[in-house]
Amino acid sequence: MLDYSYMDIFIPRDLTREAARQLLTEHAEYGQWELARVRLHPDGSRHVRLRRKVMRVRSTLTT
């Protein structure tokens, strides 16, 4: 079963498209985030939700 962690980002309407692209690209490349949802509001601002898989590590030690 896959578990995800989420991060919400609010992008104001005065941020350029290139700056928003660069911001999301950096999160994807360095933080391993992927785009889950984008909501465009009537005023031009955006609400972006990113997600990434949560790795569950099991101990290999036996008692």
PDB file of N, CA and C in Angstrom:
ATOM      1  N   MET A   1       0.840  -1.183   0.000  1.00  0.00           N
ATOM      2  CA  MET A   1       0.000   0.000   0.000  1.00  0.00           C
ATOM      3  C   MET A   1       0.882   1.243   0.000  1.00  0.00           C
ATOM      4  N   LEU A   2       0.577   2.185  -0.859  1.00  0.00           N
ATOM      5  CA  LEU A   2       1.360   3.413  -0.967  1.00  0.00           C
ATOM      6  C   LEU A   2       0.803   4.493  -0.061  1.00  0.00           C
ATOM      7  N   ASP A   3       1.703   5.144   0.634  1.00  0.00           N
ATOM      8  CA  ASP A   3       1.346   6.301   1.436  1.00  0.00           C
ATOM      9  C   ASP A   3       2.028   7.515   0.829  1.00  0.00           C
ATOM     10  N   TYR A   4       1.354   8.652   0.893  1.00  0.00           N
ATOM     11  CA  TYR A   4       1.906   9.883   0.352  1.00  0.00           C
ATOM     12  C   TYR A   4       1.934  10.963   1.425  1.00  0.00           C
ATOM     13  N   SER A   5       2.908  11.838   1.316  1.00  0.00           N
ATOM     14  CA  SER A   5       2.893  13.064   2.113  1.00  0.00           C
ATOM     15  C   SER A   5       2.579  14.192   1.132  1.00  0.00           C
ATOM     16  N   TYR A   6       1.923  15.220   1.623  1.00  0.00           N
ATOM     17  CA  TYR A   6       1.459  16.304   0.770  1.00  0.00           C
ATOM     18  C   TYR A   6       2.024  17.639   1.220  1.00  0.00           C
ATOM     19  N   MET A   7       2.208  18.540   0.260  1.00  0.00           N
ATOM     20  CA  MET A   7       2.621  19.902   0.545  1.00  0.00           C
ATOM     21  C   MET A   7       1.754  20.830  -0.298  1.00  0.00           C
ATOM     22  N   ASP A   8       1.179  21.830   0.343  1.00  0.00           N
ATOM     23  CA  ASP A   8       0.359  22.815  -0.357  1.00  0.00           C
ATOM     24  C   ASP A   8       1.175  24.088  -0.564  1.00  0.00           C
ATOM     25  N   ILE A   9       1.093  24.626  -1.765  1.00  0.00           N
ATOM     26  CA  ILE A   9       1.784  25.866  -2.113  1.00  0.00           C
ATOM     27  C   ILE A   9       0.755  26.831  -2.677  1.00  0.00           C
ATOM     28  N   PHE A  10       0.787  28.062  -2.198  1.00  0.00           N
ATOM     29  CA  PHE A  10      -0.076  29.114  -2.728  1.00  0.00           C
ATOM     30  C   PHE A  10       0.787  30.003  -3.618  1.00  0.00           C
ATOM     31  N   ILE A  11       0.386  30.156  -4.866  1.00  0.00           N
ATOM     32  CA  ILE A  11       1.122  30.986  -5.817  1.00  0.00           C
ATOM     33  C   ILE A  11       0.276  32.216  -6.105  1.00  0.00           C
ATOM     34  N   PRO A  12       0.739  33.396  -5.710  1.00  0.00           N
ATOM     35  CA  PRO A  12      -0.045  34.610  -5.932  1.00  0.00           C
ATOM     36  C   PRO A  12      -0.133  34.957  -7.420  1.00  0.00           C
ATOM     37  N   ARG A  13      -1.115  35.759  -7.749  1.00  0.00           N
ATOM     38  CA  ARG A  13      -1.356  36.064  -9.165  1.00  0.00           C
ATOM     39  C   ARG A  13      -0.283  36.927  -9.792  1.00  0.00           C
ATOM     40  N   ASP A  14       0.484  37.660  -8.986  1.00  0.00           N
ATOM     41  CA  ASP A  14       1.507  38.524  -9.558  1.00  0.00           C
ATOM     42  C   ASP A  14       2.826  37.804  -9.827  1.00  0.00           C
ATOM     43  N   LEU A  15       2.934  36.530  -9.468  1.00  0.00           N
ATOM     44  CA  LEU A  15       4.123  35.741  -9.769  1.00  0.00           C
ATOM     45  C   LEU A  15       4.055  35.315 -11.229  1.00  0.00           C
ATOM     46  N   THR A  16       5.155  35.514 -11.944  1.00  0.00           N
ATOM     47  CA  THR A  16       5.156  35.178 -13.370  1.00  0.00           C
ATOM     48  C   THR A  16       5.060  33.673 -13.578  1.00  0.00           C
ATOM     49  N   ARG A  17       4.640  33.295 -14.746  1.00  0.00           N
ATOM     50  CA  ARG A  17       4.519  31.877 -15.079  1.00  0.00           C
ATOM     51  C   ARG A  17       5.887  31.194 -15.038  1.00  0.00           C
ATOM     52  N   GLU A  18       6.916  31.895 -15.507  1.00  0.00           N
ATOM     53  CA  GLU A  18       8.270  31.343 -15.494  1.00  0.00           C
ATOM     54  C   GLU A  18       8.760  31.123 -14.063  1.00  0.00           C
ATOM     55  N   ALA A  19       8.488  32.052 -13.163  1.00  0.00           N
ATOM     56  CA  ALA A  19       8.901  31.912 -11.764  1.00  0.00           C
ATOM     57  C   ALA A  19       8.149  30.761 -11.088  1.00  0.00           C
ATOM     58  N   ALA A  20       6.871  30.619 -11.389  1.00  0.00           N
ATOM     59  CA  ALA A  20       6.085  29.514 -10.832  1.00  0.00           C
ATOM     60  C   ALA A  20       6.596  28.179 -11.359  1.00  0.00           C
ATOM     61  N   ARG A  21       6.930  28.121 -12.629  1.00  0.00           N
ATOM     62  CA  ARG A  21       7.483  26.900 -13.222  1.00  0.00           C
ATOM     63  C   ARG A  21       8.800  26.532 -12.559  1.00  0.00           C
ATOM     64  N   GLN A  22       9.652  27.519 -12.355  1.00  0.00           N
ATOM     65  CA  GLN A  22      10.945  27.265 -11.733  1.00  0.00           C
ATOM     66  C   GLN A  22      10.784  26.760 -10.295  1.00  0.00           C
ATOM     67  N   LEU A  23       9.865  27.354  -9.550  1.00  0.00           N
ATOM     68  CA  LEU A  23       9.597  26.934  -8.183  1.00  0.00           C
ATOM     69  C   LEU A  23       9.154  25.472  -8.131  1.00  0.00           C
ATOM     70  N   LEU A  24       8.200  25.117  -8.975  1.00  0.00           N
ATOM     71  CA  LEU A  24       7.689  23.744  -8.978  1.00  0.00           C
ATOM     72  C   LEU A  24       8.725  22.753  -9.505  1.00  0.00           C
ATOM     73  N   THR A  25       9.547  23.170 -10.457  1.00  0.00           N
ATOM     74  CA  THR A  25      10.607  22.311 -10.984  1.00  0.00           C
ATOM     75  C   THR A  25      11.638  21.999  -9.913  1.00  0.00           C
ATOM     76  N   GLU A  26      12.002  22.995  -9.113  1.00  0.00           N
ATOM     77  CA  GLU A  26      12.974  22.764  -8.041  1.00  0.00           C
ATOM     78  C   GLU A  26      12.429  21.795  -6.992  1.00  0.00           C
ATOM     79  N   HIS A  27      11.160  21.927  -6.654  1.00  0.00           N
ATOM     80  CA  HIS A  27      10.559  20.990  -5.703  1.00  0.00           C
ATOM     81  C   HIS A  27      10.546  19.576  -6.279  1.00  0.00           C
ATOM     82  N   ALA A  28      10.291  19.459  -7.564  1.00  0.00           N
ATOM     83  CA  ALA A  28      10.241  18.139  -8.199  1.00  0.00           C
ATOM     84  C   ALA A  28      11.633  17.511  -8.283  1.00  0.00           C
ATOM     85  N   GLU A  29      12.634  18.284  -8.661  1.00  0.00           N
ATOM     86  CA  GLU A  29      13.972  17.737  -8.847  1.00  0.00           C
ATOM     87  C   GLU A  29      14.672  17.425  -7.539  1.00  0.00           C
ATOM     88  N   TYR A  30      14.608  18.335  -6.595  1.00  0.00           N
ATOM     89  CA  TYR A  30      15.398  18.189  -5.378  1.00  0.00           C
ATOM     90  C   TYR A  30      14.621  17.587  -4.216  1.00  0.00           C
ATOM     91  N   GLY A  31      13.324  17.710  -4.204  1.00  0.00           N
ATOM     92  CA  GLY A  31      12.531  17.169  -3.114  1.00  0.00           C
ATOM     93  C   GLY A  31      11.745  15.936  -3.482  1.00  0.00           C
ATOM     94  N   GLN A  32      11.845  15.504  -4.743  1.00  0.00           N
ATOM     95  CA  GLN A  32      11.120  14.332  -5.237  1.00  0.00           C
ATOM     96  C   GLN A  32       9.611  14.494  -5.138  1.00  0.00           C
ATOM     97  N   TRP A  33       9.105  15.712  -5.290  1.00  0.00           N
ATOM     98  CA  TRP A  33       7.668  15.968  -5.257  1.00  0.00           C
ATOM     99  C   TRP A  33       7.098  15.827  -6.665  1.00  0.00           C
ATOM    100  N   GLU A  34       5.845  15.428  -6.749  1.00  0.00           N
ATOM    101  CA  GLU A  34       5.135  15.377  -8.025  1.00  0.00           C
ATOM    102  C   GLU A  34       3.831  16.153  -7.887  1.00  0.00           C
ATOM    103  N   LEU A  35       3.357  16.645  -8.991  1.00  0.00           N
ATOM    104  CA  LEU A  35       2.148  17.457  -9.008  1.00  0.00           C
ATOM    105  C   LEU A  35       0.918  16.588  -8.789  1.00  0.00           C
ATOM    106  N   ALA A  36       0.109  16.951  -7.804  1.00  0.00           N
ATOM    107  CA  ALA A  36      -1.110  16.199  -7.523  1.00  0.00           C
ATOM    108  C   ALA A  36      -2.345  16.964  -7.989  1.00  0.00           C
ATOM    109  N   ARG A  37      -2.369  18.285  -7.770  1.00  0.00           N
ATOM    110  CA  ARG A  37      -3.551  19.072  -8.130  1.00  0.00           C
ATOM    111  C   ARG A  37      -3.177  20.553  -8.245  1.00  0.00           C
ATOM    112  N   VAL A  38      -3.818  21.228  -9.190  1.00  0.00           N
ATOM    113  CA  VAL A  38      -3.694  22.685  -9.321  1.00  0.00           C
ATOM    114  C   VAL A  38      -5.095  23.262  -9.368  1.00  0.00           C
ATOM    115  N   ARG A  39      -5.348  24.247  -8.527  1.00  0.00           N
ATOM    116  CA  ARG A  39      -6.626  24.965  -8.554  1.00  0.00           C
ATOM    117  C   ARG A  39      -6.355  26.413  -8.925  1.00  0.00           C
ATOM    118  N   LEU A  40      -6.995  26.860  -9.966  1.00  0.00           N
ATOM    119  CA  LEU A  40      -6.876  28.243 -10.411  1.00  0.00           C
ATOM    120  C   LEU A  40      -8.074  29.015  -9.874  1.00  0.00           C
ATOM    121  N   HIS A  41      -7.792  30.043  -9.075  1.00  0.00           N
ATOM    122  CA  HIS A  41      -8.862  30.846  -8.478  1.00  0.00           C
ATOM    123  C   HIS A  41      -9.260  31.987  -9.410  1.00  0.00           C
ATOM    124  N   PRO A  42     -10.465  32.530  -9.259  1.00  0.00           N
ATOM    125  CA  PRO A  42     -10.943  33.602 -10.145  1.00  0.00           C
ATOM    126  C   PRO A  42     -10.045  34.845 -10.152  1.00  0.00           C
ATOM    127  N   ASP A  43      -9.334  35.092  -9.065  1.00  0.00           N
ATOM    128  CA  ASP A  43      -8.459  36.273  -9.026  1.00  0.00           C
ATOM    129  C   ASP A  43      -7.113  36.026  -9.708  1.00  0.00           C
ATOM    130  N   GLY A  44      -6.865  34.815 -10.213  1.00  0.00           N
ATOM    131  CA  GLY A  44      -5.633  34.509 -10.921  1.00  0.00           C
ATOM    132  C   GLY A  44      -4.593  33.806 -10.073  1.00  0.00           C
ATOM    133  N   SER A  45      -4.829  33.671  -8.788  1.00  0.00           N
ATOM    134  CA  SER A  45      -3.881  32.959  -7.936  1.00  0.00           C
ATOM    135  C   SER A  45      -4.087  31.456  -8.101  1.00  0.00           C
ATOM    136  N   ARG A  46      -3.078  30.694  -7.698  1.00  0.00           N
ATOM    137  CA  ARG A  46      -3.138  29.245  -7.848  1.00  0.00           C
ATOM    138  C   ARG A  46      -2.869  28.572  -6.503  1.00  0.00           C
ATOM    139  N   HIS A  47      -3.540  27.476  -6.273  1.00  0.00           N
ATOM    140  CA  HIS A  47      -3.294  26.626  -5.117  1.00  0.00           C
ATOM    141  C   HIS A  47      -2.795  25.305  -5.674  1.00  0.00           C
ATOM    142  N   VAL A  48      -1.543  24.961  -5.358  1.00  0.00           N
ATOM    143  CA  VAL A  48      -0.898  23.773  -5.908  1.00  0.00           C
ATOM    144  C   VAL A  48      -0.692  22.769  -4.790  1.00  0.00           C
ATOM    145  N   ARG A  49      -1.036  21.534  -5.036  1.00  0.00           N
ATOM    146  CA  ARG A  49      -0.775  20.457  -4.067  1.00  0.00           C
ATOM    147  C   ARG A  49       0.224  19.499  -4.699  1.00  0.00           C
ATOM    148  N   LEU A  50       1.326  19.288  -3.987  1.00  0.00           N
ATOM    149  CA  LEU A  50       2.357  18.351  -4.409  1.00  0.00           C
ATOM    150  C   LEU A  50       2.300  17.134  -3.505  1.00  0.00           C
ATOM    151  N   ARG A  51       2.765  15.996  -4.014  1.00  0.00           N
ATOM    152  CA  ARG A  51       2.806  14.793  -3.198  1.00  0.00           C
ATOM    153  C   ARG A  51       4.095  14.027  -3.494  1.00  0.00           C
ATOM    154  N   ARG A  52       4.496  13.206  -2.524  1.00  0.00           N
ATOM    155  CA  ARG A  52       5.610  12.285  -2.722  1.00  0.00           C
ATOM    156  C   ARG A  52       5.369  11.045  -1.883  1.00  0.00           C
ATOM    157  N   LYS A  53       5.936   9.947  -2.347  1.00  0.00           N
ATOM    158  CA  LYS A  53       5.747   8.670  -1.670  1.00  0.00           C
ATOM    159  C   LYS A  53       6.508   8.671  -0.351  1.00  0.00           C
ATOM    160  N   VAL A  54       5.887   8.064   0.647  1.00  0.00           N
ATOM    161  CA  VAL A  54       6.530   7.875   1.944  1.00  0.00           C
ATOM    162  C   VAL A  54       7.092   6.469   1.949  1.00  0.00           C
ATOM    163  N   MET A  55       8.385   6.381   2.170  1.00  0.00           N
ATOM    164  CA  MET A  55       9.044   5.076   2.194  1.00  0.00           C
ATOM    165  C   MET A  55       8.995   4.519   3.607  1.00  0.00           C
ATOM    166  N   ARG A  56       8.424   3.360   3.757  1.00  0.00           N
ATOM    167  CA  ARG A  56       8.394   2.665   5.040  1.00  0.00           C
ATOM    168  C   ARG A  56       9.556   1.672   5.053  1.00  0.00           C
ATOM    169  N   VAL A  57      10.414   1.816   6.010  1.00  0.00           N
ATOM    170  CA  VAL A  57      11.588   0.952   6.110  1.00  0.00           C
ATOM    171  C   VAL A  57      11.383  -0.029   7.246  1.00  0.00           C
ATOM    172  N   ARG A  58      11.573  -1.278   6.951  1.00  0.00           N
ATOM    173  CA  ARG A  58      11.466  -2.320   7.979  1.00  0.00           C
ATOM    174  C   ARG A  58      12.852  -2.646   8.520  1.00  0.00           C
ATOM    175  N   SER A  59      12.911  -2.902   9.782  1.00  0.00           N
ATOM    176  CA  SER A  59      14.167  -3.268  10.410  1.00  0.00           C
ATOM    177  C   SER A  59      14.560  -4.668   9.984  1.00  0.00           C
ATOM    178  N   THR A  60      15.848  -4.869   9.727  1.00  0.00           N
ATOM    179  CA  THR A  60      16.328  -6.179   9.351  1.00  0.00           C
ATOM    180  C   THR A  60      16.915  -6.920  10.548  1.00  0.00           C
ATOM    181  N   LEU A  61      16.918  -6.264  11.687  1.00  0.00           N
ATOM    182  CA  LEU A  61      17.425  -6.895  12.903  1.00  0.00           C
ATOM    183  C   LEU A  61      16.385  -7.844  13.475  1.00  0.00           C
ATOM    184  N   THR A  62      16.818  -8.991  13.910  1.00  0.00           N
ATOM    185  CA  THR A  62      15.909  -9.924  14.558  1.00  0.00           C
ATOM    186  C   THR A  62      16.334 -10.085  16.004  1.00  0.00           C
ATOM    187  N   THR A  63      15.380 -10.245  16.858  1.00  0.00           N
ATOM    188  CA  THR A  63      15.694 -10.403  18.278  1.00  0.00           C
ATOM    189  C   THR A  63      15.494 -11.818  18.740  1.00  0.00           C
TER     190      THR A  63
END
